[in-house]
């Protein structure tokens, strides 16, 4: 089996436990797992770093785009999971080999309509 290079957005994606389970299964299968986030490295990233540590994703496999589109950073990736339709469209338009996977937004169980 070929080793894949796979990335996950963090906010509303890898921060979710079910997506963490997916990333963990990919790591168990010996694929290369990264986090690619539009966050800034100087922001408060403790939540993301805690998840990365629990999944054993090293700091060297976290890319901060500093609020820029992710597509240029994903040219050498095979797959990218993201909840943002704009990011998915930009990746598809980039004509790179990276296949974007749109992660549906999770509606909280206790959400009530106004």
PDB file of N, CA and C in Angstrom:
ATOM      1  N   UNK A   1       0.830  -1.175   0.000  1.00  0.00           N
ATOM      2  CA  UNK A   1       0.000   0.000   0.000  1.00  0.00           C
ATOM      3  C   UNK A   1       0.881   1.247   0.000  1.00  0.00           C
ATOM      4  N   UNK A   2       0.541   2.214  -0.841  1.00  0.00           N
ATOM      5  CA  UNK A   2       1.285   3.464  -0.883  1.00  0.00           C
ATOM      6  C   UNK A   2       0.932   4.331   0.316  1.00  0.00           C
ATOM      7  N   UNK A   3       1.936   4.982   0.837  1.00  0.00           N
ATOM      8  CA  UNK A   3       1.737   5.905   1.949  1.00  0.00           C
ATOM      9  C   UNK A   3       1.172   7.209   1.395  1.00  0.00           C
ATOM     10  N   UNK A   4       0.052   7.662   1.950  1.00  0.00           N
ATOM     11  CA  UNK A   4      -0.594   8.892   1.511  1.00  0.00           C
ATOM     12  C   UNK A   4      -0.209  10.050   2.422  1.00  0.00           C
ATOM     13  N   UNK A   5      -0.195  11.245   1.851  1.00  0.00           N
ATOM     14  CA  UNK A   5       0.042  12.463   2.617  1.00  0.00           C
ATOM     15  C   UNK A   5      -1.317  13.149   2.759  1.00  0.00           C
ATOM     16  N   UNK A   6      -1.830  13.172   3.985  1.00  0.00           N
ATOM     17  CA  UNK A   6      -3.198  13.610   4.260  1.00  0.00           C
ATOM     18  C   UNK A   6      -3.161  14.764   5.251  1.00  0.00           C
ATOM     19  N   UNK A   7      -3.991  15.781   5.006  1.00  0.00           N
ATOM     20  CA  UNK A   7      -4.041  16.896   5.943  1.00  0.00           C
ATOM     21  C   UNK A   7      -5.474  17.150   6.400  1.00  0.00           C
ATOM     22  N   UNK A   8      -5.552  17.759   7.563  1.00  0.00           N
ATOM     23  CA  UNK A   8      -6.825  18.125   8.165  1.00  0.00           C
ATOM     24  C   UNK A   8      -6.787  19.586   8.574  1.00  0.00           C
ATOM     25  N   UNK A   9      -7.862  20.295   8.269  1.00  0.00           N
ATOM     26  CA  UNK A   9      -8.099  21.595   8.877  1.00  0.00           C
ATOM     27  C   UNK A   9      -8.349  21.324  10.360  1.00  0.00           C
ATOM     28  N   UNK A  10      -8.156  22.309  11.213  1.00  0.00           N
ATOM     29  CA  UNK A  10      -8.428  22.063  12.628  1.00  0.00           C
ATOM     30  C   UNK A  10      -9.813  22.530  13.053  1.00  0.00           C
ATOM     31  N   UNK A  11     -10.084  23.832  12.934  1.00  0.00           N
ATOM     32  CA  UNK A  11     -11.339  24.380  13.453  1.00  0.00           C
ATOM     33  C   UNK A  11     -12.549  23.773  12.739  1.00  0.00           C
ATOM     34  N   UNK A  12     -13.447  23.221  13.523  1.00  0.00           N
ATOM     35  CA  UNK A  12     -14.670  22.556  13.047  1.00  0.00           C
ATOM     36  C   UNK A  12     -14.384  21.298  12.232  1.00  0.00           C
ATOM     37  N   UNK A  13     -13.147  20.835  12.239  1.00  0.00           N
ATOM     38  CA  UNK A  13     -12.800  19.591  11.540  1.00  0.00           C
ATOM     39  C   UNK A  13     -12.044  18.690  12.518  1.00  0.00           C
ATOM     40  N   UNK A  14     -10.737  18.817  12.602  1.00  0.00           N
ATOM     41  CA  UNK A  14      -9.962  17.926  13.461  1.00  0.00           C
ATOM     42  C   UNK A  14     -10.248  18.148  14.949  1.00  0.00           C
ATOM     43  N   UNK A  15     -10.854  19.259  15.308  1.00  0.00           N
ATOM     44  CA  UNK A  15     -11.214  19.452  16.714  1.00  0.00           C
ATOM     45  C   UNK A  15     -12.356  18.510  17.127  1.00  0.00           C
ATOM     46  N   UNK A  16     -13.049  17.918  16.163  1.00  0.00           N
ATOM     47  CA  UNK A  16     -14.156  16.996  16.434  1.00  0.00           C
ATOM     48  C   UNK A  16     -13.629  15.582  16.687  1.00  0.00           C
ATOM     49  N   UNK A  17     -14.165  14.924  17.705  1.00  0.00           N
ATOM     50  CA  UNK A  17     -13.654  13.604  18.091  1.00  0.00           C
ATOM     51  C   UNK A  17     -13.820  12.566  16.987  1.00  0.00           C
ATOM     52  N   UNK A  18     -14.899  12.627  16.216  1.00  0.00           N
ATOM     53  CA  UNK A  18     -15.078  11.638  15.150  1.00  0.00           C
ATOM     54  C   UNK A  18     -14.059  11.827  14.025  1.00  0.00           C
ATOM     55  N   UNK A  19     -13.620  13.052  13.790  1.00  0.00           N
ATOM     56  CA  UNK A  19     -12.592  13.305  12.783  1.00  0.00           C
ATOM     57  C   UNK A  19     -11.224  12.918  13.350  1.00  0.00           C
ATOM     58  N   UNK A  20     -11.035  13.113  14.645  1.00  0.00           N
ATOM     59  CA  UNK A  20      -9.798  12.652  15.281  1.00  0.00           C
ATOM     60  C   UNK A  20      -9.666  11.138  15.150  1.00  0.00           C
ATOM     61  N   UNK A  21     -10.785  10.421  15.274  1.00  0.00           N
ATOM     62  CA  UNK A  21     -10.759   8.956  15.116  1.00  0.00           C
ATOM     63  C   UNK A  21     -10.357   8.584  13.695  1.00  0.00           C
ATOM     64  N   UNK A  22     -10.835   9.347  12.709  1.00  0.00           N
ATOM     65  CA  UNK A  22     -10.451   9.112  11.319  1.00  0.00           C
ATOM     66  C   UNK A  22      -8.947   9.344  11.138  1.00  0.00           C
ATOM     67  N   UNK A  23      -8.449  10.435  11.677  1.00  0.00           N
ATOM     68  CA  UNK A  23      -7.012  10.735  11.581  1.00  0.00           C
ATOM     69  C   UNK A  23      -6.197   9.650  12.269  1.00  0.00           C
ATOM     70  N   UNK A  24      -6.661   9.196  13.411  1.00  0.00           N
ATOM     71  CA  UNK A  24      -5.954   8.150  14.144  1.00  0.00           C
ATOM     72  C   UNK A  24      -5.887   6.854  13.333  1.00  0.00           C
ATOM     73  N   UNK A  25      -6.983   6.509  12.647  1.00  0.00           N
ATOM     74  CA  UNK A  25      -6.965   5.293  11.819  1.00  0.00           C
ATOM     75  C   UNK A  25      -6.001   5.443  10.656  1.00  0.00           C
ATOM     76  N   UNK A  26      -5.876   6.654  10.112  1.00  0.00           N
ATOM     77  CA  UNK A  26      -4.921   6.893   9.028  1.00  0.00           C
ATOM     78  C   UNK A  26      -3.479   6.808   9.533  1.00  0.00           C
ATOM     79  N   UNK A  27      -3.259   7.302  10.726  1.00  0.00           N
ATOM     80  CA  UNK A  27      -1.930   7.190  11.331  1.00  0.00           C
ATOM     81  C   UNK A  27      -1.588   5.734  11.615  1.00  0.00           C
ATOM     82  N   UNK A  28      -2.561   4.979  12.099  1.00  0.00           N
ATOM     83  CA  UNK A  28      -2.356   3.551  12.373  1.00  0.00           C
ATOM     84  C   UNK A  28      -2.013   2.801  11.094  1.00  0.00           C
ATOM     85  N   UNK A  29      -2.581   3.253   9.967  1.00  0.00           N
ATOM     86  CA  UNK A  29      -2.302   2.641   8.665  1.00  0.00           C
ATOM     87  C   UNK A  29      -0.999   3.158   8.059  1.00  0.00           C
ATOM     88  N   UNK A  30      -0.245   3.932   8.838  1.00  0.00           N
ATOM     89  CA  UNK A  30       1.080   4.439   8.461  1.00  0.00           C
ATOM     90  C   UNK A  30       1.059   5.528   7.387  1.00  0.00           C
ATOM     91  N   UNK A  31      -0.090   6.216   7.249  1.00  0.00           N
ATOM     92  CA  UNK A  31      -0.133   7.364   6.339  1.00  0.00           C
ATOM     93  C   UNK A  31       0.459   8.575   7.054  1.00  0.00           C
ATOM     94  N   UNK A  32       0.884   9.550   6.278  1.00  0.00           N
ATOM     95  CA  UNK A  32       1.475  10.770   6.816  1.00  0.00           C
ATOM     96  C   UNK A  32       0.349  11.769   7.061  1.00  0.00           C
ATOM     97  N   UNK A  33       0.131  12.158   8.305  1.00  0.00           N
ATOM     98  CA  UNK A  33      -0.978  13.043   8.666  1.00  0.00           C
ATOM     99  C   UNK A  33      -0.451  14.388   9.137  1.00  0.00           C
ATOM    100  N   UNK A  34      -1.027  15.440   8.571  1.00  0.00           N
ATOM    101  CA  UNK A  34      -0.649  16.820   8.856  1.00  0.00           C
ATOM    102  C   UNK A  34      -1.871  17.617   9.301  1.00  0.00           C
ATOM    103  N   UNK A  35      -1.621  18.766   9.896  1.00  0.00           N
ATOM    104  CA  UNK A  35      -2.662  19.764  10.154  1.00  0.00           C
ATOM    105  C   UNK A  35      -2.298  20.977   9.319  1.00  0.00           C
ATOM    106  N   UNK A  36      -3.260  21.458   8.515  1.00  0.00           N
ATOM    107  CA  UNK A  36      -3.069  22.684   7.742  1.00  0.00           C
ATOM    108  C   UNK A  36      -4.193  23.627   8.157  1.00  0.00           C
ATOM    109  N   UNK A  37      -3.824  24.723   8.781  1.00  0.00           N
ATOM    110  CA  UNK A  37      -4.796  25.647   9.353  1.00  0.00           C
ATOM    111  C   UNK A  37      -4.536  27.066   8.880  1.00  0.00           C
ATOM    112  N   UNK A  38      -5.600  27.839   8.750  1.00  0.00           N
ATOM    113  CA  UNK A  38      -5.426  29.245   8.380  1.00  0.00           C
ATOM    114  C   UNK A  38      -5.036  30.098   9.592  1.00  0.00           C
ATOM    115  N   UNK A  39      -4.947  29.488  10.738  1.00  0.00           N
ATOM    116  CA  UNK A  39      -4.539  30.224  11.935  1.00  0.00           C
ATOM    117  C   UNK A  39      -3.122  30.780  11.792  1.00  0.00           C
ATOM    118  N   UNK A  40      -2.830  31.714  12.672  1.00  0.00           N
ATOM    119  CA  UNK A  40      -1.482  32.274  12.769  1.00  0.00           C
ATOM    120  C   UNK A  40      -0.704  31.494  13.826  1.00  0.00           C
ATOM    121  N   UNK A  41       0.595  31.302  13.631  1.00  0.00           N
ATOM    122  CA  UNK A  41       1.375  30.600  14.656  1.00  0.00           C
ATOM    123  C   UNK A  41       1.492  31.394  15.956  1.00  0.00           C
ATOM    124  N   UNK A  42       1.198  32.689  15.909  1.00  0.00           N
ATOM    125  CA  UNK A  42       1.300  33.509  17.114  1.00  0.00           C
ATOM    126  C   UNK A  42      -0.017  33.593  17.883  1.00  0.00           C
ATOM    127  N   UNK A  43      -1.088  32.984  17.355  1.00  0.00           N
ATOM    128  CA  UNK A  43      -2.377  32.977  18.047  1.00  0.00           C
ATOM    129  C   UNK A  43      -2.338  31.977  19.202  1.00  0.00           C
ATOM    130  N   UNK A  44      -3.386  31.970  19.995  1.00  0.00           N
ATOM    131  CA  UNK A  44      -3.501  30.980  21.072  1.00  0.00           C
ATOM    132  C   UNK A  44      -3.919  29.652  20.438  1.00  0.00           C
ATOM    133  N   UNK A  45      -2.982  28.770  20.264  1.00  0.00           N
ATOM    134  CA  UNK A  45      -3.206  27.500  19.579  1.00  0.00           C
ATOM    135  C   UNK A  45      -3.173  26.305  20.532  1.00  0.00           C
ATOM    136  N   UNK A  46      -3.363  26.549  21.816  1.00  0.00           N
ATOM    137  CA  UNK A  46      -3.258  25.460  22.791  1.00  0.00           C
ATOM    138  C   UNK A  46      -4.210  24.313  22.493  1.00  0.00           C
ATOM    139  N   UNK A  47      -5.450  24.626  22.066  1.00  0.00           N
ATOM    140  CA  UNK A  47      -6.419  23.561  21.779  1.00  0.00           C
ATOM    141  C   UNK A  47      -5.939  22.666  20.636  1.00  0.00           C
ATOM    142  N   UNK A  48      -5.424  23.286  19.595  1.00  0.00           N
ATOM    143  CA  UNK A  48      -4.935  22.525  18.452  1.00  0.00           C
ATOM    144  C   UNK A  48      -3.680  21.726  18.811  1.00  0.00           C
ATOM    145  N   UNK A  49      -2.782  22.327  19.542  1.00  0.00           N
ATOM    146  CA  UNK A  49      -1.546  21.641  19.928  1.00  0.00           C
ATOM    147  C   UNK A  49      -1.836  20.465  20.854  1.00  0.00           C
ATOM    148  N   UNK A  50      -2.862  20.586  21.680  1.00  0.00           N
ATOM    149  CA  UNK A  50      -3.252  19.487  22.559  1.00  0.00           C
ATOM    150  C   UNK A  50      -3.761  18.291  21.743  1.00  0.00           C
ATOM    151  N   UNK A  51      -4.586  18.571  20.723  1.00  0.00           N
ATOM    152  CA  UNK A  51      -5.093  17.496  19.855  1.00  0.00           C
ATOM    153  C   UNK A  51      -3.939  16.881  19.068  1.00  0.00           C
ATOM    154  N   UNK A  52      -3.069  17.724  18.534  1.00  0.00           N
ATOM    155  CA  UNK A  52      -1.906  17.212  17.785  1.00  0.00           C
ATOM    156  C   UNK A  52      -1.069  16.297  18.664  1.00  0.00           C
ATOM    157  N   UNK A  53      -0.843  16.700  19.890  1.00  0.00           N
ATOM    158  CA  UNK A  53      -0.055  15.884  20.818  1.00  0.00           C
ATOM    159  C   UNK A  53      -0.751  14.560  21.105  1.00  0.00           C
ATOM    160  N   UNK A  54      -2.082  14.604  21.322  1.00  0.00           N
ATOM    161  CA  UNK A  54      -2.809  13.362  21.635  1.00  0.00           C
ATOM    162  C   UNK A  54      -2.792  12.391  20.455  1.00  0.00           C
ATOM    163  N   UNK A  55      -2.740  12.920  19.224  1.00  0.00           N
ATOM    164  CA  UNK A  55      -2.676  12.070  18.028  1.00  0.00           C
ATOM    165  C   UNK A  55      -1.233  11.749  17.628  1.00  0.00           C
ATOM    166  N   UNK A  56      -0.290  12.351  18.328  1.00  0.00           N
ATOM    167  CA  UNK A  56       1.138  12.199  18.027  1.00  0.00           C
ATOM    168  C   UNK A  56       1.498  12.757  16.647  1.00  0.00           C
ATOM    169  N   UNK A  57       0.888  13.895  16.312  1.00  0.00           N
ATOM    170  CA  UNK A  57       1.261  14.638  15.110  1.00  0.00           C
ATOM    171  C   UNK A  57       2.319  15.653  15.552  1.00  0.00           C
ATOM    172  N   UNK A  58       3.543  15.537  15.053  1.00  0.00           N
ATOM    173  CA  UNK A  58       4.605  16.438  15.513  1.00  0.00           C
ATOM    174  C   UNK A  58       4.390  17.882  15.040  1.00  0.00           C
ATOM    175  N   UNK A  59       4.964  18.817  15.782  1.00  0.00           N
ATOM    176  CA  UNK A  59       4.845  20.241  15.433  1.00  0.00           C
ATOM    177  C   UNK A  59       5.319  20.520  14.013  1.00  0.00           C
ATOM    178  N   UNK A  60       6.281  19.754  13.539  1.00  0.00           N
ATOM    179  CA  UNK A  60       6.795  19.929  12.180  1.00  0.00           C
ATOM    180  C   UNK A  60       5.798  19.550  11.099  1.00  0.00           C
ATOM    181  N   UNK A  61       4.685  18.954  11.496  1.00  0.00           N
ATOM    182  CA  UNK A  61       3.645  18.587  10.534  1.00  0.00           C
ATOM    183  C   UNK A  61       2.388  19.431  10.737  1.00  0.00           C
ATOM    184  N   UNK A  62       2.592  20.650  11.208  1.00  0.00           N
ATOM    185  CA  UNK A  62       1.508  21.635  11.312  1.00  0.00           C
ATOM    186  C   UNK A  62       1.897  22.825  10.456  1.00  0.00           C
ATOM    187  N   UNK A  63       1.029  23.159   9.506  1.00  0.00           N
ATOM    188  CA  UNK A  63       1.265  24.307   8.628  1.00  0.00           C
ATOM    189  C   UNK A  63       0.258  25.390   8.980  1.00  0.00           C
ATOM    190  N   UNK A  64       0.764  26.569   9.304  1.00  0.00           N
ATOM    191  CA  UNK A  64      -0.054  27.749   9.565  1.00  0.00           C
ATOM    192  C   UNK A  64      -0.019  28.603   8.301  1.00  0.00           C
ATOM    193  N   UNK A  65      -1.172  28.844   7.675  1.00  0.00           N
ATOM    194  CA  UNK A  65      -1.180  29.649   6.447  1.00  0.00           C
ATOM    195  C   UNK A  65      -1.299  31.140   6.742  1.00  0.00           C
ATOM    196  N   UNK A  66      -1.468  31.495   7.997  1.00  0.00           N
ATOM    197  CA  UNK A  66      -1.586  32.890   8.428  1.00  0.00           C
ATOM    198  C   UNK A  66      -2.687  33.611   7.635  1.00  0.00           C
ATOM    199  N   UNK A  67      -3.878  32.999   7.660  1.00  0.00           N
ATOM    200  CA  UNK A  67      -5.112  33.562   7.088  1.00  0.00           C
ATOM    201  C   UNK A  67      -5.115  33.622   5.558  1.00  0.00           C
ATOM    202  N   UNK A  68      -4.267  32.826   4.922  1.00  0.00           N
ATOM    203  CA  UNK A  68      -4.258  32.743   3.460  1.00  0.00           C
ATOM    204  C   UNK A  68      -4.939  31.447   3.034  1.00  0.00           C
ATOM    205  N   UNK A  69      -5.434  31.398   1.784  1.00  0.00           N
ATOM    206  CA  UNK A  69      -6.036  30.175   1.257  1.00  0.00           C
ATOM    207  C   UNK A  69      -5.051  29.021   1.376  1.00  0.00           C
ATOM    208  N   UNK A  70      -5.583  27.834   1.607  1.00  0.00           N
ATOM    209  CA  UNK A  70      -4.740  26.657   1.839  1.00  0.00           C
ATOM    210  C   UNK A  70      -4.219  26.006   0.559  1.00  0.00           C
ATOM    211  N   UNK A  71      -4.883  26.213  -0.565  1.00  0.00           N
ATOM    212  CA  UNK A  71      -4.549  25.503  -1.806  1.00  0.00           C
ATOM    213  C   UNK A  71      -3.052  25.526  -2.144  1.00  0.00           C
ATOM    214  N   UNK A  72      -2.375  26.665  -2.101  1.00  0.00           N
ATOM    215  CA  UNK A  72      -0.947  26.664  -2.449  1.00  0.00           C
ATOM    216  C   UNK A  72      -0.084  25.819  -1.505  1.00  0.00           C
ATOM    217  N   UNK A  73      -0.559  25.611  -0.292  1.00  0.00           N
ATOM    218  CA  UNK A  73       0.198  24.839   0.697  1.00  0.00           C
ATOM    219  C   UNK A  73      -0.028  23.331   0.547  1.00  0.00           C
ATOM    220  N   UNK A  74      -1.010  22.954  -0.272  1.00  0.00           N
ATOM    221  CA  UNK A  74      -1.425  21.547  -0.357  1.00  0.00           C
ATOM    222  C   UNK A  74      -1.027  20.868  -1.662  1.00  0.00           C
ATOM    223  N   UNK A  75      -0.173  21.472  -2.437  1.00  0.00           N
ATOM    224  CA  UNK A  75       0.190  20.935  -3.755  1.00  0.00           C
ATOM    225  C   UNK A  75       0.749  19.515  -3.703  1.00  0.00           C
ATOM    226  N   UNK A  76       1.442  19.176  -2.658  1.00  0.00           N
ATOM    227  CA  UNK A  76       2.078  17.854  -2.571  1.00  0.00           C
ATOM    228  C   UNK A  76       1.313  16.882  -1.671  1.00  0.00           C
ATOM    229  N   UNK A  77       0.093  17.262  -1.309  1.00  0.00           N
ATOM    230  CA  UNK A  77      -0.739  16.388  -0.487  1.00  0.00           C
ATOM    231  C   UNK A  77      -1.657  15.558  -1.379  1.00  0.00           C
ATOM    232  N   UNK A  78      -2.091  14.412  -0.860  1.00  0.00           N
ATOM    233  CA  UNK A  78      -3.033  13.562  -1.589  1.00  0.00           C
ATOM    234  C   UNK A  78      -4.476  13.905  -1.259  1.00  0.00           C
ATOM    235  N   UNK A  79      -4.762  14.158   0.036  1.00  0.00           N
ATOM    236  CA  UNK A  79      -6.112  14.481   0.487  1.00  0.00           C
ATOM    237  C   UNK A  79      -6.051  15.585   1.536  1.00  0.00           C
ATOM    238  N   UNK A  80      -7.117  16.402   1.559  1.00  0.00           N
ATOM    239  CA  UNK A  80      -7.267  17.414   2.605  1.00  0.00           C
ATOM    240  C   UNK A  80      -8.723  17.430   3.046  1.00  0.00           C
ATOM    241  N   UNK A  81      -8.943  17.338   4.356  1.00  0.00           N
ATOM    242  CA  UNK A  81     -10.282  17.376   4.950  1.00  0.00           C
ATOM    243  C   UNK A  81     -10.529  18.757   5.537  1.00  0.00           C
ATOM    244  N   UNK A  82     -11.667  19.375   5.145  1.00  0.00           N
ATOM    245  CA  UNK A  82     -11.952  20.738   5.584  1.00  0.00           C
ATOM    246  C   UNK A  82     -13.455  20.955   5.633  1.00  0.00           C
ATOM    247  N   UNK A  83     -13.910  21.816   6.539  1.00  0.00           N
ATOM    248  CA  UNK A  83     -15.332  22.128   6.636  1.00  0.00           C
ATOM    249  C   UNK A  83     -15.718  23.364   5.828  1.00  0.00           C
ATOM    250  N   UNK A  84     -14.754  24.037   5.242  1.00  0.00           N
ATOM    251  CA  UNK A  84     -15.002  25.299   4.541  1.00  0.00           C
ATOM    252  C   UNK A  84     -15.154  25.064   3.038  1.00  0.00           C
ATOM    253  N   UNK A  85     -16.379  25.264   2.506  1.00  0.00           N
ATOM    254  CA  UNK A  85     -16.594  25.063   1.066  1.00  0.00           C
ATOM    255  C   UNK A  85     -15.680  25.927   0.187  1.00  0.00           C
ATOM    256  N   UNK A  86     -15.357  27.140   0.668  1.00  0.00           N
ATOM    257  CA  UNK A  86     -14.462  28.008  -0.106  1.00  0.00           C
ATOM    258  C   UNK A  86     -13.081  27.370  -0.262  1.00  0.00           C
ATOM    259  N   UNK A  87     -12.553  26.816   0.825  1.00  0.00           N
ATOM    260  CA  UNK A  87     -11.244  26.162   0.763  1.00  0.00           C
ATOM    261  C   UNK A  87     -11.285  24.976  -0.198  1.00  0.00           C
ATOM    262  N   UNK A  88     -12.361  24.196  -0.133  1.00  0.00           N
ATOM    263  CA  UNK A  88     -12.509  23.030  -1.021  1.00  0.00           C
ATOM    264  C   UNK A  88     -12.537  23.487  -2.480  1.00  0.00           C
ATOM    265  N   UNK A  89     -13.290  24.537  -2.776  1.00  0.00           N
ATOM    266  CA  UNK A  89     -13.353  25.066  -4.146  1.00  0.00           C
ATOM    267  C   UNK A  89     -11.983  25.552  -4.618  1.00  0.00           C
ATOM    268  N   UNK A  90     -11.260  26.231  -3.745  1.00  0.00           N
ATOM    269  CA  UNK A  90      -9.939  26.744  -4.116  1.00  0.00           C
ATOM    270  C   UNK A  90      -8.961  25.597  -4.397  1.00  0.00           C
ATOM    271  N   UNK A  91      -9.046  24.534  -3.620  1.00  0.00           N
ATOM    272  CA  UNK A  91      -8.174  23.379  -3.838  1.00  0.00           C
ATOM    273  C   UNK A  91      -8.508  22.724  -5.173  1.00  0.00           C
ATOM    274  N   UNK A  92      -9.815  22.567  -5.467  1.00  0.00           N
ATOM    275  CA  UNK A  92     -10.219  21.967  -6.752  1.00  0.00           C
ATOM    276  C   UNK A  92      -9.775  22.837  -7.920  1.00  0.00           C
ATOM    277  N   UNK A  93      -9.867  24.143  -7.775  1.00  0.00           N
ATOM    278  CA  UNK A  93      -9.481  25.061  -8.848  1.00  0.00           C
ATOM    279  C   UNK A  93      -7.972  25.107  -9.056  1.00  0.00           C
ATOM    280  N   UNK A  94      -7.213  24.711  -8.060  1.00  0.00           N
ATOM    281  CA  UNK A  94      -5.753  24.800  -8.141  1.00  0.00           C
ATOM    282  C   UNK A  94      -5.138  23.755  -9.072  1.00  0.00           C
ATOM    283  N   UNK A  95      -5.901  22.747  -9.437  1.00  0.00           N
ATOM    284  CA  UNK A  95      -5.458  21.672 -10.322  1.00  0.00           C
ATOM    285  C   UNK A  95      -4.251  20.917  -9.773  1.00  0.00           C
ATOM    286  N   UNK A  96      -4.110  20.916  -8.453  1.00  0.00           N
ATOM    287  CA  UNK A  96      -3.052  20.101  -7.859  1.00  0.00           C
ATOM    288  C   UNK A  96      -3.579  18.686  -7.714  1.00  0.00           C
ATOM    289  N   UNK A  97      -2.718  17.773  -7.305  1.00  0.00           N
ATOM    290  CA  UNK A  97      -3.155  16.392  -7.148  1.00  0.00           C
ATOM    291  C   UNK A  97      -3.991  16.197  -5.889  1.00  0.00           C
ATOM    292  N   UNK A  98      -4.014  17.178  -5.007  1.00  0.00           N
ATOM    293  CA  UNK A  98      -4.728  17.073  -3.737  1.00  0.00           C
ATOM    294  C   UNK A  98      -6.241  16.982  -3.975  1.00  0.00           C
ATOM    295  N   UNK A  99      -6.842  15.989  -3.350  1.00  0.00           N
ATOM    296  CA  UNK A  99      -8.291  15.808  -3.426  1.00  0.00           C
ATOM    297  C   UNK A  99      -8.897  16.367  -2.144  1.00  0.00           C
ATOM    298  N   UNK A 100      -9.723  17.416  -2.254  1.00  0.00           N
ATOM    299  CA  UNK A 100     -10.334  17.978  -1.047  1.00  0.00           C
ATOM    300  C   UNK A 100     -11.563  17.170  -0.645  1.00  0.00           C
ATOM    301  N   UNK A 101     -11.746  17.011   0.651  1.00  0.00           N
ATOM    302  CA  UNK A 101     -12.891  16.301   1.198  1.00  0.00           C
ATOM    303  C   UNK A 101     -13.649  17.275   2.095  1.00  0.00           C
ATOM    304  N   UNK A 102     -14.867  17.625   1.701  1.00  0.00           N
ATOM    305  CA  UNK A 102     -15.678  18.559   2.489  1.00  0.00           C
ATOM    306  C   UNK A 102     -16.285  17.819   3.674  1.00  0.00           C
ATOM    307  N   UNK A 103     -16.000  18.298   4.860  1.00  0.00           N
ATOM    308  CA  UNK A 103     -16.543  17.721   6.092  1.00  0.00           C
ATOM    309  C   UNK A 103     -17.784  18.514   6.454  1.00  0.00           C
ATOM    310  N   UNK A 104     -18.939  17.848   6.554  1.00  0.00           N
ATOM    311  CA  UNK A 104     -20.169  18.587   6.885  1.00  0.00           C
ATOM    312  C   UNK A 104     -20.061  19.258   8.250  1.00  0.00           C
ATOM    313  N   UNK A 105     -20.643  20.432   8.342  1.00  0.00           N
ATOM    314  CA  UNK A 105     -20.657  21.162   9.600  1.00  0.00           C
ATOM    315  C   UNK A 105     -21.572  20.425  10.563  1.00  0.00           C
ATOM    316  N   UNK A 106     -21.110  20.250  11.763  1.00  0.00           N
ATOM    317  CA  UNK A 106     -21.892  19.549  12.786  1.00  0.00           C
ATOM    318  C   UNK A 106     -22.779  20.549  13.509  1.00  0.00           C
ATOM    319  N   UNK A 107     -24.054  20.224  13.594  1.00  0.00           N
ATOM    320  CA  UNK A 107     -24.984  21.053  14.349  1.00  0.00           C
ATOM    321  C   UNK A 107     -25.048  20.478  15.754  1.00  0.00           C
ATOM    322  N   UNK A 108     -24.851  21.327  16.731  1.00  0.00           N
ATOM    323  CA  UNK A 108     -24.843  20.861  18.114  1.00  0.00           C
ATOM    324  C   UNK A 108     -26.184  20.216  18.468  1.00  0.00           C
ATOM    325  N   UNK A 109     -26.122  19.165  19.278  1.00  0.00           N
ATOM    326  CA  UNK A 109     -27.322  18.447  19.689  1.00  0.00           C
ATOM    327  C   UNK A 109     -28.309  19.341  20.431  1.00  0.00           C
ATOM    328  N   UNK A 110     -27.802  20.315  21.150  1.00  0.00           N
ATOM    329  CA  UNK A 110     -28.684  21.162  21.947  1.00  0.00           C
ATOM    330  C   UNK A 110     -29.059  22.461  21.239  1.00  0.00           C
ATOM    331  N   UNK A 111     -28.793  22.548  19.952  1.00  0.00           N
ATOM    332  CA  UNK A 111     -29.103  23.756  19.194  1.00  0.00           C
ATOM    333  C   UNK A 111     -30.606  23.921  19.084  1.00  0.00           C
ATOM    334  N   UNK A 112     -31.077  25.126  19.318  1.00  0.00           N
ATOM    335  CA  UNK A 112     -32.517  25.412  19.200  1.00  0.00           C
ATOM    336  C   UNK A 112     -32.712  26.553  18.213  1.00  0.00           C
ATOM    337  N   UNK A 113     -33.703  26.367  17.365  1.00  0.00           N
ATOM    338  CA  UNK A 113     -34.034  27.446  16.428  1.00  0.00           C
ATOM    339  C   UNK A 113     -34.609  28.634  17.174  1.00  0.00           C
ATOM    340  N   UNK A 114     -34.352  29.837  16.682  1.00  0.00           N
ATOM    341  CA  UNK A 114     -34.889  31.044  17.354  1.00  0.00           C
ATOM    342  C   UNK A 114     -36.396  31.104  17.251  1.00  0.00           C
TER     343      UNK A 114
END
